[in-house]
Amino acid sequence: MAFEKTGPVDIVGFVSCGGCPGKRAVARAQLMVDRGAEVIFLASCISRGNPIGFPCPHFEMIKNAIIKKIGPDITLIDWTH
């Protein structure tokens, strides 16, 4: 699904948002960029609530803060499945 856009990849990190309300999401995204990430994916559980049907109420704020921190050269995709 969302990963089809990137083609073959090397995964450089996989982390959680850091708990409600994503207190560590921005720092963790920056750490992945520092380790070579060119694309950051935010899992659908955050944006769409899949599979439990309850999206994060802080999703837009977290997403915007990550974009501001990592800059325009890193792609952010806000869903996975």
Protein backbone atom coordinates (compact mmCIF):
# COMPACT_ATOMS: atom_id res chain seq x y z
CA MET A 1 0.00 0.00 0.00
CA ALA A 2 1.83 3.15 1.13
CA PHE A 3 5.21 1.43 0.89
CA GLU A 4 4.76 0.76 -2.84
CA LYS A 5 5.66 4.41 -3.54
CA THR A 6 9.18 4.03 -2.15
CA GLY A 7 10.33 0.86 -3.91
CA PRO A 8 13.07 -1.21 -2.24
CA VAL A 9 14.11 0.22 1.12
CA ASP A 10 16.43 -0.28 4.05
CA ILE A 11 14.63 0.26 7.34
CA VAL A 12 16.74 2.46 9.61
CA GLY A 13 14.31 2.69 12.50
CA PHE A 14 10.94 1.76 13.87
CA VAL A 15 9.64 3.56 16.93
CA SER A 16 6.40 4.32 18.69
CA CYS A 17 5.02 7.82 19.02
CA GLY A 18 6.18 7.92 22.63
CA GLY A 19 2.78 7.71 24.21
CA CYS A 20 -0.07 10.16 24.44
CA PRO A 21 0.18 12.90 23.18
CA GLY A 22 3.20 11.79 21.18
CA LYS A 23 5.70 13.57 23.40
CA ARG A 24 8.68 11.90 21.75
CA ALA A 25 7.46 11.70 18.16
CA VAL A 26 9.36 14.75 16.91
CA ALA A 27 12.66 13.78 18.55
CA ARG A 28 12.33 10.20 17.30
CA ALA A 29 11.62 11.32 13.74
CA GLN A 30 14.69 13.57 13.84
CA LEU A 31 16.79 10.69 15.18
CA MET A 32 15.71 8.53 12.24
CA VAL A 33 16.67 11.33 9.83
CA ASP A 34 20.04 11.65 11.56
CA ARG A 35 20.53 7.91 10.94
CA GLY A 36 19.80 8.23 7.24
CA ALA A 37 16.02 8.06 6.86
CA GLU A 38 14.78 9.73 3.68
CA VAL A 39 11.10 8.99 4.28
CA ILE A 40 9.17 8.99 7.57
CA PHE A 41 5.94 7.01 7.76
CA LEU A 42 3.31 7.60 10.41
CA ALA A 43 1.32 4.43 10.94
CA SER A 44 -2.37 4.32 10.17
CA CYS A 45 -3.12 3.54 13.81
CA ILE A 46 -2.26 7.18 14.55
CA SER A 47 -4.03 8.87 11.64
CA ARG A 48 -6.97 6.52 11.01
CA GLY A 49 -7.28 4.51 14.18
CA ASN A 50 -6.69 1.23 12.35
CA PRO A 51 -7.43 -1.41 13.53
CA ILE A 52 -9.13 -0.22 16.74
CA GLY A 53 -11.16 2.60 15.22
CA PHE A 54 -9.79 5.35 17.47
CA PRO A 55 -7.41 7.80 15.76
CA CYS A 56 -5.06 9.91 17.84
CA PRO A 57 -6.72 13.24 18.69
CA HIS A 58 -3.27 14.87 18.54
CA PHE A 59 -2.38 13.51 15.09
CA GLU A 60 -2.39 16.80 13.14
CA MET A 61 -0.36 18.58 15.82
CA ILE A 62 2.20 15.75 15.90
CA LYS A 63 2.39 15.56 12.11
CA ASN A 64 2.88 19.32 11.72
CA ALA A 65 5.56 19.40 14.43
CA ILE A 66 7.47 16.58 12.72
CA ILE A 67 7.29 18.31 9.33
CA LYS A 68 8.55 21.54 10.87
CA LYS A 69 11.47 19.75 12.54
CA ILE A 70 12.63 17.48 9.71
CA GLY A 71 12.25 20.07 6.96
CA PRO A 72 11.13 19.87 3.35
CA ASP A 73 13.84 17.50 2.11
CA ILE A 74 12.40 14.52 4.01
CA THR A 75 9.15 12.97 2.80
CA LEU A 76 6.47 12.34 5.42
CA ILE A 77 3.73 9.83 4.55
CA ASP A 78 0.92 9.83 7.09
CA TRP A 79 -0.55 6.37 6.58
CA THR A 80 0.62 2.80 6.07
CA HIS A 81 -2.42 0.60 5.49
